[in-house]
Amino acid sequence: MKFILKGDLDDKIVDRVIHLTMTKLCPIAAMLGEIAEPKWGYELIKEDKPRTTRNS
């Protein structure tokens, strides 16, 4: 799963929120995590700045 976010967002906060969502808060991701190893990543698009891409 890949999240694409645009705006003036803090990379560390985005990383933490997505990690918590995929490991603790989303019941579907938690259920899938019991039988598979879900992978996720994100792309952070900051206006007038280079893109930051991160994968788990």
C-alpha atoms as a PDB file:
ATOM      1  CA  MET A   1       0.000   0.000   0.000  1.00  0.00           C
ATOM      2  CA  LYS A   2       1.350   3.411  -0.869  1.00  0.00           C
ATOM      3  CA  PHE A   3       0.142   6.687   0.603  1.00  0.00           C
ATOM      4  CA  ILE A   4       0.705   9.866  -1.393  1.00  0.00           C
ATOM      5  CA  LEU A   5       0.501  13.052   0.673  1.00  0.00           C
ATOM      6  CA  LYS A   6       0.879  16.625  -0.463  1.00  0.00           C
ATOM      7  CA  GLY A   7       1.556  19.668   1.657  1.00  0.00           C
ATOM      8  CA  ASP A   8       3.908  21.110   4.218  1.00  0.00           C
ATOM      9  CA  LEU A   9       3.989  17.997   6.426  1.00  0.00           C
ATOM     10  CA  ASP A  10       6.681  16.870   8.845  1.00  0.00           C
ATOM     11  CA  ASP A  11       8.302  13.660   7.563  1.00  0.00           C
ATOM     12  CA  LYS A  12       8.777  12.188  11.053  1.00  0.00           C
ATOM     13  CA  ILE A  13       5.148  12.792  12.028  1.00  0.00           C
ATOM     14  CA  VAL A  14       3.846  11.322   8.755  1.00  0.00           C
ATOM     15  CA  ASP A  15       6.036   8.244   9.225  1.00  0.00           C
ATOM     16  CA  ARG A  16       4.808   7.738  12.799  1.00  0.00           C
ATOM     17  CA  VAL A  17       1.117   8.222  11.961  1.00  0.00           C
ATOM     18  CA  ILE A  18       1.232   5.781   9.049  1.00  0.00           C
ATOM     19  CA  HIS A  19       3.191   3.233  11.097  1.00  0.00           C
ATOM     20  CA  LEU A  20       0.693   3.427  13.990  1.00  0.00           C
ATOM     21  CA  THR A  21      -2.244   3.218  11.609  1.00  0.00           C
ATOM     22  CA  MET A  22      -0.890   0.144   9.841  1.00  0.00           C
ATOM     23  CA  THR A  23       0.239  -1.683  13.003  1.00  0.00           C
ATOM     24  CA  LYS A  24      -2.228  -0.676  15.723  1.00  0.00           C
ATOM     25  CA  LEU A  25      -5.206   1.428  14.651  1.00  0.00           C
ATOM     26  CA  CYS A  26      -6.500  -0.183  11.447  1.00  0.00           C
ATOM     27  CA  PRO A  27      -8.319  -3.426  12.298  1.00  0.00           C
ATOM     28  CA  ILE A  28      -8.032  -4.756   8.749  1.00  0.00           C
ATOM     29  CA  ALA A  29      -4.271  -4.175   8.618  1.00  0.00           C
ATOM     30  CA  ALA A  30      -3.912  -5.769  12.068  1.00  0.00           C
ATOM     31  CA  MET A  31      -5.916  -8.810  10.965  1.00  0.00           C
ATOM     32  CA  LEU A  32      -3.878  -9.175   7.768  1.00  0.00           C
ATOM     33  CA  GLY A  33      -0.694  -8.800   9.798  1.00  0.00           C
ATOM     34  CA  GLU A  34      -1.522 -12.065  11.559  1.00  0.00           C
ATOM     35  CA  ILE A  35      -1.403 -14.078   8.326  1.00  0.00           C
ATOM     36  CA  ALA A  36       0.864 -12.018   6.063  1.00  0.00           C
ATOM     37  CA  GLU A  37       3.518  -9.336   6.178  1.00  0.00           C
ATOM     38  CA  PRO A  38       1.835  -6.214   4.800  1.00  0.00           C
ATOM     39  CA  LYS A  39       4.140  -3.624   3.292  1.00  0.00           C
ATOM     40  CA  TRP A  40       3.458   0.059   3.024  1.00  0.00           C
ATOM     41  CA  GLY A  41       5.191   3.238   2.112  1.00  0.00           C
ATOM     42  CA  TYR A  42       4.503   6.845   1.428  1.00  0.00           C
ATOM     43  CA  GLU A  43       5.457   9.652  -0.855  1.00  0.00           C
ATOM     44  CA  LEU A  44       5.487  13.117   0.614  1.00  0.00           C
ATOM     45  CA  ILE A  45       5.145  15.879  -1.962  1.00  0.00           C
ATOM     46  CA  LYS A  46       6.161  19.271  -0.646  1.00  0.00           C
ATOM     47  CA  GLU A  47       5.432  22.235  -2.859  1.00  0.00           C
ATOM     48  CA  ASP A  48       8.555  23.758  -4.441  1.00  0.00           C
ATOM     49  CA  LYS A  49      10.723  21.095  -2.775  1.00  0.00           C
ATOM     50  CA  PRO A  50      12.020  17.689  -3.893  1.00  0.00           C
ATOM     51  CA  ARG A  51       9.899  14.638  -3.142  1.00  0.00           C
ATOM     52  CA  THR A  52      10.588  12.396  -0.174  1.00  0.00           C
ATOM     53  CA  THR A  53       9.809   8.696  -0.656  1.00  0.00           C
ATOM     54  CA  ARG A  54       9.889   6.160   2.156  1.00  0.00           C
ATOM     55  CA  ASN A  55       9.038   2.446   2.313  1.00  0.00           C
ATOM     56  CA  SER A  56       8.595   0.040   5.220  1.00  0.00           C
END
